[in-house]
PDB file of all heavy atoms in Angstrom:
ATOM      1  N   LEU A   1      -2.382   4.776  -4.036  1.00  0.00           N
ATOM      2  CA  LEU A   1      -1.360   3.706  -4.225  1.00  0.00           C
ATOM      3  C   LEU A   1      -2.112   2.310  -4.421  1.00  0.00           C
ATOM      4  O   LEU A   1      -3.028   2.023  -3.713  1.00  0.00           O
ATOM      5  CB  LEU A   1      -0.473   3.643  -3.031  1.00  0.00           C
ATOM      6  CG  LEU A   1       0.659   2.619  -3.000  1.00  0.00           C
ATOM      7  CD1 LEU A   1       1.620   2.913  -4.135  1.00  0.00           C
ATOM      8  CD2 LEU A   1       1.329   2.659  -1.635  1.00  0.00           C
ATOM      9  N   ASP A   2      -1.619   1.607  -5.415  1.00  0.00           N
ATOM     10  CA  ASP A   2      -2.134   0.247  -5.618  1.00  0.00           C
ATOM     11  C   ASP A   2      -1.208  -0.725  -4.890  1.00  0.00           C
ATOM     12  O   ASP A   2      -0.038  -0.471  -4.773  1.00  0.00           O
ATOM     13  CB  ASP A   2      -2.204  -0.084  -7.154  1.00  0.00           C
ATOM     14  CG  ASP A   2      -3.066  -1.202  -7.492  1.00  0.00           C
ATOM     15  OD1 ASP A   2      -3.284  -2.093  -6.523  1.00  0.00           O
ATOM     16  OD2 ASP A   2      -3.505  -1.317  -8.583  1.00  0.00           O
ATOM     17  N   VAL A   3      -1.793  -1.810  -4.412  1.00  0.00           N
ATOM     18  CA  VAL A   3      -0.943  -2.851  -3.833  1.00  0.00           C
ATOM     19  C   VAL A   3      -0.108  -3.578  -4.873  1.00  0.00           C
ATOM     20  O   VAL A   3       1.011  -3.824  -4.645  1.00  0.00           O
ATOM     21  CB  VAL A   3      -1.786  -3.885  -3.032  1.00  0.00           C
ATOM     22  CG1 VAL A   3      -0.942  -5.052  -2.469  1.00  0.00           C
ATOM     23  CG2 VAL A   3      -2.489  -3.192  -1.863  1.00  0.00           C
ATOM     24  N   ALA A   4      -0.705  -3.818  -6.056  1.00  0.00           N
ATOM     25  CA  ALA A   4      -0.040  -4.580  -7.046  1.00  0.00           C
ATOM     26  C   ALA A   4       0.614  -3.654  -8.102  1.00  0.00           C
ATOM     27  O   ALA A   4      -0.030  -3.143  -9.015  1.00  0.00           O
ATOM     28  CB  ALA A   4      -1.087  -5.499  -7.790  1.00  0.00           C
ATOM     29  N   ILE A   5       1.841  -3.354  -7.870  1.00  0.00           N
ATOM     30  CA  ILE A   5       2.641  -2.506  -8.793  1.00  0.00           C
ATOM     31  C   ILE A   5       3.778  -3.301  -9.293  1.00  0.00           C
ATOM     32  O   ILE A   5       4.160  -4.299  -8.730  1.00  0.00           O
ATOM     33  CB  ILE A   5       3.064  -1.216  -8.134  1.00  0.00           C
ATOM     34  CG1 ILE A   5       3.900  -1.427  -6.809  1.00  0.00           C
ATOM     35  CG2 ILE A   5       1.973  -0.302  -7.822  1.00  0.00           C
ATOM     36  CD1 ILE A   5       4.376  -0.136  -6.153  1.00  0.00           C
ATOM     37  N   PRO A   6       4.276  -2.889 -10.494  1.00  0.00           N
ATOM     38  CA  PRO A   6       5.221  -3.811 -11.236  1.00  0.00           C
ATOM     39  C   PRO A   6       6.477  -4.279 -10.564  1.00  0.00           C
ATOM     40  O   PRO A   6       6.747  -5.515 -10.555  1.00  0.00           O
ATOM     41  CB  PRO A   6       5.625  -3.009 -12.428  1.00  0.00           C
ATOM     42  CG  PRO A   6       4.451  -2.060 -12.642  1.00  0.00           C
ATOM     43  CD  PRO A   6       3.953  -1.769 -11.302  1.00  0.00           C
ATOM     44  N   THR A   7       7.228  -3.455  -9.843  1.00  0.00           N
ATOM     45  CA  THR A   7       8.523  -3.942  -9.328  1.00  0.00           C
ATOM     46  C   THR A   7       8.548  -4.080  -7.850  1.00  0.00           C
ATOM     47  O   THR A   7       9.384  -4.882  -7.370  1.00  0.00           O
ATOM     48  CB  THR A   7       9.598  -2.871  -9.729  1.00  0.00           C
ATOM     49  OG1 THR A   7       9.212  -1.605  -9.186  1.00  0.00           O
ATOM     50  CG2 THR A   7       9.786  -2.821 -11.251  1.00  0.00           C
ATOM     51  N   LEU A   8       7.702  -3.479  -7.054  1.00  0.00           N
ATOM     52  CA  LEU A   8       7.682  -3.597  -5.622  1.00  0.00           C
ATOM     53  C   LEU A   8       6.254  -3.912  -5.187  1.00  0.00           C
ATOM     54  O   LEU A   8       5.266  -3.571  -5.908  1.00  0.00           O
ATOM     55  CB  LEU A   8       8.103  -2.324  -4.925  1.00  0.00           C
ATOM     56  CG  LEU A   8       9.580  -1.874  -5.025  1.00  0.00           C
ATOM     57  CD1 LEU A   8       9.756  -0.472  -4.418  1.00  0.00           C
ATOM     58  CD2 LEU A   8      10.435  -2.833  -4.221  1.00  0.00           C
ATOM     59  N   ASP A   9       6.138  -4.496  -4.054  1.00  0.00           N
ATOM     60  CA  ASP A   9       4.807  -4.716  -3.459  1.00  0.00           C
ATOM     61  C   ASP A   9       4.340  -3.340  -2.929  1.00  0.00           C
ATOM     62  O   ASP A   9       5.090  -2.583  -2.256  1.00  0.00           O
ATOM     63  CB  ASP A   9       4.883  -5.693  -2.312  1.00  0.00           C
ATOM     64  CG  ASP A   9       3.590  -5.886  -1.680  1.00  0.00           C
ATOM     65  OD1 ASP A   9       2.840  -6.725  -2.164  1.00  0.00           O
ATOM     66  OD2 ASP A   9       3.293  -5.183  -0.651  1.00  0.00           O
ATOM     67  N   GLY A  10       3.113  -2.922  -3.219  1.00  0.00           N
ATOM     68  CA  GLY A  10       2.580  -1.636  -2.799  1.00  0.00           C
ATOM     69  C   GLY A  10       2.678  -1.419  -1.302  1.00  0.00           C
ATOM     70  O   GLY A  10       2.880  -0.286  -0.803  1.00  0.00           O
ATOM     71  N   LEU A  11       2.561  -2.523  -0.468  1.00  0.00           N
ATOM     72  CA  LEU A  11       2.622  -2.389   0.939  1.00  0.00           C
ATOM     73  C   LEU A  11       4.057  -1.991   1.349  1.00  0.00           C
ATOM     74  O   LEU A  11       4.273  -1.257   2.346  1.00  0.00           O
ATOM     75  CB  LEU A  11       2.146  -3.604   1.640  1.00  0.00           C
ATOM     76  CG  LEU A  11       0.678  -3.960   1.448  1.00  0.00           C
ATOM     77  CD1 LEU A  11       0.294  -5.234   2.148  1.00  0.00           C
ATOM     78  CD2 LEU A  11      -0.212  -2.853   1.906  1.00  0.00           C
ATOM     79  N   ASP A  12       5.020  -2.581   0.637  1.00  0.00           N
ATOM     80  CA  ASP A  12       6.446  -2.215   0.952  1.00  0.00           C
ATOM     81  C   ASP A  12       6.720  -0.766   0.621  1.00  0.00           C
ATOM     82  O   ASP A  12       7.361  -0.037   1.366  1.00  0.00           O
ATOM     83  CB  ASP A  12       7.367  -3.130   0.122  1.00  0.00           C
ATOM     84  CG  ASP A  12       7.362  -4.527   0.672  1.00  0.00           C
ATOM     85  OD1 ASP A  12       7.062  -4.757   1.851  1.00  0.00           O
ATOM     86  OD2 ASP A  12       7.726  -5.421  -0.196  1.00  0.00           O
ATOM     87  N   VAL A  13       6.097  -0.302  -0.500  1.00  0.00           N
ATOM     88  CA  VAL A  13       6.258   1.086  -0.853  1.00  0.00           C
ATOM     89  C   VAL A  13       5.573   1.947   0.174  1.00  0.00           C
ATOM     90  O   VAL A  13       6.221   2.949   0.652  1.00  0.00           O
ATOM     91  CB  VAL A  13       5.554   1.401  -2.251  1.00  0.00           C
ATOM     92  CG1 VAL A  13       5.512   2.860  -2.529  1.00  0.00           C
ATOM     93  CG2 VAL A  13       6.301   0.648  -3.338  1.00  0.00           C
ATOM     94  N   LEU A  14       4.415   1.640   0.665  1.00  0.00           N
ATOM     95  CA  LEU A  14       3.715   2.325   1.731  1.00  0.00           C
ATOM     96  C   LEU A  14       4.609   2.427   3.027  1.00  0.00           C
ATOM     97  O   LEU A  14       4.735   3.513   3.620  1.00  0.00           O
ATOM     98  CB  LEU A  14       2.380   1.747   1.993  1.00  0.00           C
ATOM     99  CG  LEU A  14       1.590   2.328   3.134  1.00  0.00           C
ATOM    100  CD1 LEU A  14       1.289   3.788   2.813  1.00  0.00           C
ATOM    101  CD2 LEU A  14       0.250   1.574   3.270  1.00  0.00           C
ATOM    102  N   ARG A  15       5.167   1.344   3.406  1.00  0.00           N
ATOM    103  CA  ARG A  15       6.000   1.295   4.569  1.00  0.00           C
ATOM    104  C   ARG A  15       7.201   2.233   4.427  1.00  0.00           C
ATOM    105  O   ARG A  15       7.528   2.907   5.362  1.00  0.00           O
ATOM    106  CB  ARG A  15       6.428  -0.128   4.962  1.00  0.00           C
ATOM    107  CG  ARG A  15       5.303  -0.999   5.402  1.00  0.00           C
ATOM    108  CD  ARG A  15       5.834  -2.373   5.824  1.00  0.00           C
ATOM    109  NE  ARG A  15       4.754  -3.305   5.845  1.00  0.00           N
ATOM    110  CZ  ARG A  15       4.464  -4.244   5.004  1.00  0.00           C
ATOM    111  NH1 ARG A  15       5.258  -4.385   3.848  1.00  0.00           N
ATOM    112  NH2 ARG A  15       3.433  -5.061   5.068  1.00  0.00           N
ATOM    113  N   GLN A  16       7.844   2.175   3.313  1.00  0.00           N
ATOM    114  CA  GLN A  16       9.000   3.052   3.070  1.00  0.00           C
ATOM    115  C   GLN A  16       8.554   4.537   3.115  1.00  0.00           C
ATOM    116  O   GLN A  16       9.198   5.385   3.631  1.00  0.00           O
ATOM    117  CB  GLN A  16       9.627   2.721   1.711  1.00  0.00           C
ATOM    118  CG  GLN A  16      10.362   1.383   1.712  1.00  0.00           C
ATOM    119  CD  GLN A  16      10.992   1.151   0.351  1.00  0.00           C
ATOM    120  OE1 GLN A  16      11.633   1.992  -0.203  1.00  0.00           O
ATOM    121  NE2 GLN A  16      10.826  -0.113  -0.139  1.00  0.00           N
ATOM    122  N   LEU A  17       7.400   4.749   2.511  1.00  0.00           N
ATOM    123  CA  LEU A  17       6.892   6.187   2.499  1.00  0.00           C
ATOM    124  C   LEU A  17       6.570   6.642   3.914  1.00  0.00           C
ATOM    125  O   LEU A  17       6.908   7.774   4.239  1.00  0.00           O
ATOM    126  CB  LEU A  17       5.567   6.204   1.606  1.00  0.00           C
ATOM    127  CG  LEU A  17       4.900   7.532   1.398  1.00  0.00           C
ATOM    128  CD1 LEU A  17       5.852   8.499   0.663  1.00  0.00           C
ATOM    129  CD2 LEU A  17       3.665   7.293   0.639  1.00  0.00           C
ATOM    130  N   ARG A  18       6.056   5.748   4.742  1.00  0.00           N
ATOM    131  CA  ARG A  18       5.676   6.152   6.125  1.00  0.00           C
ATOM    132  C   ARG A  18       6.935   6.464   6.938  1.00  0.00           C
ATOM    133  O   ARG A  18       6.801   7.253   7.927  1.00  0.00           O
ATOM    134  CB  ARG A  18       4.865   5.037   6.774  1.00  0.00           C
ATOM    135  CG  ARG A  18       3.410   5.055   6.385  1.00  0.00           C
ATOM    136  CD  ARG A  18       2.772   6.341   6.879  1.00  0.00           C
ATOM    137  NE  ARG A  18       1.474   6.502   6.330  1.00  0.00           N
ATOM    138  CZ  ARG A  18       1.117   7.484   5.555  1.00  0.00           C
ATOM    139  NH1 ARG A  18       2.050   8.466   5.161  1.00  0.00           N
ATOM    140  NH2 ARG A  18      -0.130   7.620   5.073  1.00  0.00           N
ATOM    141  N   HIS A  19       8.090   5.893   6.607  1.00  0.00           N
ATOM    142  CA  HIS A  19       9.312   6.204   7.342  1.00  0.00           C
ATOM    143  C   HIS A  19       9.728   7.666   7.055  1.00  0.00           C
ATOM    144  O   HIS A  19      10.443   8.161   7.946  1.00  0.00           O
ATOM    145  CB  HIS A  19      10.414   5.298   6.955  1.00  0.00           C
ATOM    146  CG  HIS A  19      10.263   3.947   7.521  1.00  0.00           C
ATOM    147  ND1 HIS A  19      10.369   3.680   8.888  1.00  0.00           N
ATOM    148  CD2 HIS A  19       9.992   2.719   6.926  1.00  0.00           C
ATOM    149  CE1 HIS A  19      10.188   2.384   9.112  1.00  0.00           C
ATOM    150  NE2 HIS A  19       9.961   1.791   7.954  1.00  0.00           N
ATOM    151  N   ARG A  20       9.239   8.287   5.977  1.00  0.00           N
ATOM    152  CA  ARG A  20       9.756   9.635   5.642  1.00  0.00           C
ATOM    153  C   ARG A  20       8.675  10.646   5.459  1.00  0.00           C
ATOM    154  O   ARG A  20       8.993  11.779   5.289  1.00  0.00           O
ATOM    155  CB  ARG A  20      10.600   9.516   4.381  1.00  0.00           C
ATOM    156  CG  ARG A  20      11.809   8.684   4.582  1.00  0.00           C
ATOM    157  CD  ARG A  20      12.601   8.504   3.338  1.00  0.00           C
ATOM    158  NE  ARG A  20      13.130   9.755   2.853  1.00  0.00           N
ATOM    159  CZ  ARG A  20      13.893   9.800   1.728  1.00  0.00           C
ATOM    160  NH1 ARG A  20      14.215   8.705   1.110  1.00  0.00           N
ATOM    161  NH2 ARG A  20      14.265  10.978   1.300  1.00  0.00           N
ATOM    162  N   SER A  21       7.442  10.226   5.479  1.00  0.00           N
ATOM    163  CA  SER A  21       6.362  11.197   5.157  1.00  0.00           C
ATOM    164  C   SER A  21       5.060  10.854   5.909  1.00  0.00           C
ATOM    165  O   SER A  21       4.746   9.661   6.203  1.00  0.00           O
ATOM    166  CB  SER A  21       6.088  11.166   3.584  1.00  0.00           C
ATOM    167  OG  SER A  21       5.011  11.979   3.341  1.00  0.00           O
ATOM    168  N   ASP A  22       4.250  11.834   6.194  1.00  0.00           N
ATOM    169  CA  ASP A  22       2.940  11.618   6.747  1.00  0.00           C
ATOM    170  C   ASP A  22       1.833  12.044   5.752  1.00  0.00           C
ATOM    171  O   ASP A  22       0.718  12.248   6.151  1.00  0.00           O
ATOM    172  CB  ASP A  22       2.824  12.350   8.097  1.00  0.00           C
ATOM    173  CG  ASP A  22       2.922  13.841   7.955  1.00  0.00           C
ATOM    174  OD1 ASP A  22       3.241  14.324   6.875  1.00  0.00           O
ATOM    175  OD2 ASP A  22       2.702  14.479   8.966  1.00  0.00           O
ATOM    176  N   VAL A  23       2.188  12.149   4.437  1.00  0.00           N
ATOM    177  CA  VAL A  23       1.185  12.461   3.394  1.00  0.00           C
ATOM    178  C   VAL A  23       0.081  11.415   3.471  1.00  0.00           C
ATOM    179  O   VAL A  23       0.301  10.196   3.702  1.00  0.00           O
ATOM    180  CB  VAL A  23       1.833  12.508   2.009  1.00  0.00           C
ATOM    181  CG1 VAL A  23       2.404  11.179   1.585  1.00  0.00           C
ATOM    182  CG2 VAL A  23       0.804  13.047   1.029  1.00  0.00           C
ATOM    183  N   PRO A  24      -1.204  11.846   3.350  1.00  0.00           N
ATOM    184  CA  PRO A  24      -2.301  10.876   3.405  1.00  0.00           C
ATOM    185  C   PRO A  24      -2.146   9.903   2.162  1.00  0.00           C
ATOM    186  O   PRO A  24      -1.833  10.337   1.047  1.00  0.00           O
ATOM    187  CB  PRO A  24      -3.534  11.702   3.184  1.00  0.00           C
ATOM    188  CG  PRO A  24      -3.178  13.070   3.745  1.00  0.00           C
ATOM    189  CD  PRO A  24      -1.724  13.239   3.370  1.00  0.00           C
ATOM    190  N   VAL A  25      -2.522   8.608   2.439  1.00  0.00           N
ATOM    191  CA  VAL A  25      -2.386   7.594   1.391  1.00  0.00           C
ATOM    192  C   VAL A  25      -3.672   6.761   1.354  1.00  0.00           C
ATOM    193  O   VAL A  25      -4.127   6.322   2.397  1.00  0.00           O
ATOM    194  CB  VAL A  25      -1.208   6.611   1.585  1.00  0.00           C
ATOM    195  CG1 VAL A  25      -1.168   5.487   0.574  1.00  0.00           C
ATOM    196  CG2 VAL A  25       0.122   7.305   1.555  1.00  0.00           C
ATOM    197  N   ILE A  26      -4.302   6.702   0.152  1.00  0.00           N
ATOM    198  CA  ILE A  26      -5.447   5.870  -0.012  1.00  0.00           C
ATOM    199  C   ILE A  26      -4.940   4.676  -0.874  1.00  0.00           C
ATOM    200  O   ILE A  26      -4.409   4.856  -1.910  1.00  0.00           O
ATOM    201  CB  ILE A  26      -6.587   6.558  -0.778  1.00  0.00           C
ATOM    202  CG1 ILE A  26      -7.206   7.695   0.041  1.00  0.00           C
ATOM    203  CG2 ILE A  26      -7.713   5.581  -1.123  1.00  0.00           C
ATOM    204  CD1 ILE A  26      -8.294   8.492  -0.611  1.00  0.00           C
ATOM    205  N   MET A  27      -5.168   3.456  -0.421  1.00  0.00           N
ATOM    206  CA  MET A  27      -4.855   2.244  -1.167  1.00  0.00           C
ATOM    207  C   MET A  27      -6.092   2.057  -2.125  1.00  0.00           C
ATOM    208  O   MET A  27      -7.183   1.950  -1.568  1.00  0.00           O
ATOM    209  CB  MET A  27      -4.674   1.083  -0.291  1.00  0.00           C
ATOM    210  CG  MET A  27      -3.532   1.181   0.752  1.00  0.00           C
ATOM    211  SD  MET A  27      -1.904   1.416   0.002  1.00  0.00           S
ATOM    212  CE  MET A  27      -1.654  -0.108  -0.766  1.00  0.00           C
ATOM    213  N   LEU A  28      -5.849   1.882  -3.377  1.00  0.00           N
ATOM    214  CA  LEU A  28      -6.919   1.682  -4.365  1.00  0.00           C
ATOM    215  C   LEU A  28      -6.490   0.390  -5.119  1.00  0.00           C
ATOM    216  O   LEU A  28      -5.522   0.408  -5.885  1.00  0.00           O
ATOM    217  CB  LEU A  28      -6.997   2.845  -5.313  1.00  0.00           C
ATOM    218  CG  LEU A  28      -8.073   2.834  -6.353  1.00  0.00           C
ATOM    219  CD1 LEU A  28      -9.452   2.764  -5.696  1.00  0.00           C
ATOM    220  CD2 LEU A  28      -7.993   3.970  -7.299  1.00  0.00           C
ATOM    221  N   THR A  29      -7.152  -0.698  -4.709  1.00  0.00           N
ATOM    222  CA  THR A  29      -6.584  -1.986  -5.187  1.00  0.00           C
ATOM    223  C   THR A  29      -7.679  -3.060  -5.435  1.00  0.00           C
ATOM    224  O   THR A  29      -8.775  -2.969  -4.864  1.00  0.00           O
ATOM    225  CB  THR A  29      -5.563  -2.516  -4.172  1.00  0.00           C
ATOM    226  OG1 THR A  29      -5.028  -3.709  -4.636  1.00  0.00           O
ATOM    227  CG2 THR A  29      -6.116  -2.646  -2.827  1.00  0.00           C
ATOM    228  N   ALA A  30      -7.296  -4.035  -6.264  1.00  0.00           N
ATOM    229  CA  ALA A  30      -8.206  -5.212  -6.515  1.00  0.00           C
ATOM    230  C   ALA A  30      -8.143  -6.200  -5.417  1.00  0.00           C
ATOM    231  O   ALA A  30      -9.014  -7.080  -5.312  1.00  0.00           O
ATOM    232  CB  ALA A  30      -7.882  -5.850  -7.830  1.00  0.00           C
ATOM    233  N   ARG A  31      -7.234  -6.115  -4.502  1.00  0.00           N
ATOM    234  CA  ARG A  31      -7.109  -7.062  -3.370  1.00  0.00           C
ATOM    235  C   ARG A  31      -8.126  -6.648  -2.358  1.00  0.00           C
ATOM    236  O   ARG A  31      -7.990  -5.549  -1.724  1.00  0.00           O
ATOM    237  CB  ARG A  31      -5.718  -7.089  -2.810  1.00  0.00           C
ATOM    238  CG  ARG A  31      -4.731  -7.621  -3.819  1.00  0.00           C
ATOM    239  CD  ARG A  31      -3.405  -7.744  -3.181  1.00  0.00           C
ATOM    240  NE  ARG A  31      -2.375  -8.153  -4.193  1.00  0.00           N
ATOM    241  CZ  ARG A  31      -1.069  -8.206  -4.004  1.00  0.00           C
ATOM    242  NH1 ARG A  31      -0.642  -7.822  -2.825  1.00  0.00           N
ATOM    243  NH2 ARG A  31      -0.280  -8.570  -4.947  1.00  0.00           N
ATOM    244  N   THR A  32      -9.178  -7.472  -2.191  1.00  0.00           N
ATOM    245  CA  THR A  32     -10.329  -6.980  -1.439  1.00  0.00           C
ATOM    246  C   THR A  32     -10.569  -7.825  -0.155  1.00  0.00           C
ATOM    247  O   THR A  32     -11.548  -7.543   0.529  1.00  0.00           O
ATOM    248  CB  THR A  32     -11.598  -7.042  -2.280  1.00  0.00           C
ATOM    249  OG1 THR A  32     -11.796  -8.379  -2.774  1.00  0.00           O
ATOM    250  CG2 THR A  32     -11.461  -6.054  -3.468  1.00  0.00           C
ATOM    251  N   SER A  33      -9.760  -8.787   0.106  1.00  0.00           N
ATOM    252  CA  SER A  33     -10.056  -9.625   1.297  1.00  0.00           C
ATOM    253  C   SER A  33      -9.894  -8.769   2.527  1.00  0.00           C
ATOM    254  O   SER A  33      -9.216  -7.828   2.612  1.00  0.00           O
ATOM    255  CB  SER A  33      -9.183 -10.828   1.346  1.00  0.00           C
ATOM    256  OG  SER A  33      -7.823 -10.473   1.746  1.00  0.00           O
ATOM    257  N   GLN A  34     -10.507  -9.251   3.628  1.00  0.00           N
ATOM    258  CA  GLN A  34     -10.377  -8.534   4.899  1.00  0.00           C
ATOM    259  C   GLN A  34      -8.916  -8.520   5.351  1.00  0.00           C
ATOM    260  O   GLN A  34      -8.440  -7.554   5.871  1.00  0.00           O
ATOM    261  CB  GLN A  34     -11.235  -9.261   5.985  1.00  0.00           C
ATOM    262  CG  GLN A  34     -11.238  -8.556   7.299  1.00  0.00           C
ATOM    263  CD  GLN A  34     -12.090  -9.206   8.357  1.00  0.00           C
ATOM    264  OE1 GLN A  34     -12.496 -10.385   8.163  1.00  0.00           O
ATOM    265  NE2 GLN A  34     -12.310  -8.587   9.388  1.00  0.00           N
ATOM    266  N   ARG A  35      -8.236  -9.596   5.136  1.00  0.00           N
ATOM    267  CA  ARG A  35      -6.811  -9.662   5.513  1.00  0.00           C
ATOM    268  C   ARG A  35      -5.988  -8.659   4.724  1.00  0.00           C
ATOM    269  O   ARG A  35      -5.097  -7.972   5.361  1.00  0.00           O
ATOM    270  CB  ARG A  35      -6.277 -11.104   5.232  1.00  0.00           C
ATOM    271  CG  ARG A  35      -4.836 -11.247   5.627  1.00  0.00           C
ATOM    272  CD  ARG A  35      -4.364 -12.618   5.398  1.00  0.00           C
ATOM    273  NE  ARG A  35      -4.407 -12.905   3.975  1.00  0.00           N
ATOM    274  CZ  ARG A  35      -4.054 -14.029   3.380  1.00  0.00           C
ATOM    275  NH1 ARG A  35      -3.625 -15.033   4.105  1.00  0.00           N
ATOM    276  NH2 ARG A  35      -4.118 -14.177   2.095  1.00  0.00           N
ATOM    277  N   ASP A  36      -6.291  -8.473   3.447  1.00  0.00           N
ATOM    278  CA  ASP A  36      -5.564  -7.471   2.645  1.00  0.00           C
ATOM    279  C   ASP A  36      -5.913  -6.037   3.103  1.00  0.00           C
ATOM    280  O   ASP A  36      -4.976  -5.176   3.261  1.00  0.00           O
ATOM    281  CB  ASP A  36      -5.920  -7.529   1.176  1.00  0.00           C
ATOM    282  CG  ASP A  36      -5.424  -8.797   0.493  1.00  0.00           C
ATOM    283  OD1 ASP A  36      -4.316  -9.243   0.871  1.00  0.00           O
ATOM    284  OD2 ASP A  36      -6.124  -9.337  -0.354  1.00  0.00           O
ATOM    285  N   ARG A  37      -7.144  -5.745   3.406  1.00  0.00           N
ATOM    286  CA  ARG A  37      -7.515  -4.430   3.975  1.00  0.00           C
ATOM    287  C   ARG A  37      -6.831  -4.166   5.291  1.00  0.00           C
ATOM    288  O   ARG A  37      -6.293  -3.028   5.508  1.00  0.00           O
ATOM    289  CB  ARG A  37      -9.044  -4.346   4.110  1.00  0.00           C
ATOM    290  CG  ARG A  37      -9.773  -4.301   2.714  1.00  0.00           C
ATOM    291  CD  ARG A  37     -11.268  -3.946   2.805  1.00  0.00           C
ATOM    292  NE  ARG A  37     -11.944  -4.715   3.819  1.00  0.00           N
ATOM    293  CZ  ARG A  37     -12.593  -5.888   3.590  1.00  0.00           C
ATOM    294  NH1 ARG A  37     -12.596  -6.397   2.377  1.00  0.00           N
ATOM    295  NH2 ARG A  37     -13.228  -6.501   4.536  1.00  0.00           N
ATOM    296  N   ILE A  38      -6.811  -5.125   6.154  1.00  0.00           N
ATOM    297  CA  ILE A  38      -6.129  -4.945   7.463  1.00  0.00           C
ATOM    298  C   ILE A  38      -4.668  -4.693   7.243  1.00  0.00           C
ATOM    299  O   ILE A  38      -4.074  -3.801   7.873  1.00  0.00           O
ATOM    300  CB  ILE A  38      -6.451  -6.181   8.387  1.00  0.00           C
ATOM    301  CG1 ILE A  38      -7.881  -6.162   8.798  1.00  0.00           C
ATOM    302  CG2 ILE A  38      -5.525  -6.102   9.580  1.00  0.00           C
ATOM    303  CD1 ILE A  38      -8.317  -7.422   9.526  1.00  0.00           C
ATOM    304  N   ALA A  39      -4.024  -5.430   6.331  1.00  0.00           N
ATOM    305  CA  ALA A  39      -2.555  -5.283   6.116  1.00  0.00           C
ATOM    306  C   ALA A  39      -2.329  -3.870   5.522  1.00  0.00           C
ATOM    307  O   ALA A  39      -1.327  -3.251   5.947  1.00  0.00           O
ATOM    308  CB  ALA A  39      -2.102  -6.322   5.119  1.00  0.00           C
TER     309      ALA A  39
END
């Protein structure tokens, strides 16, 4: 999953996914700050 997706924030998508699934997720993104990684 990328953080920067067209209609939703990738982190919001991840949070929604986590409410219903425990599938492993790797964030693959251009946002590289420590704050972004922690988020």
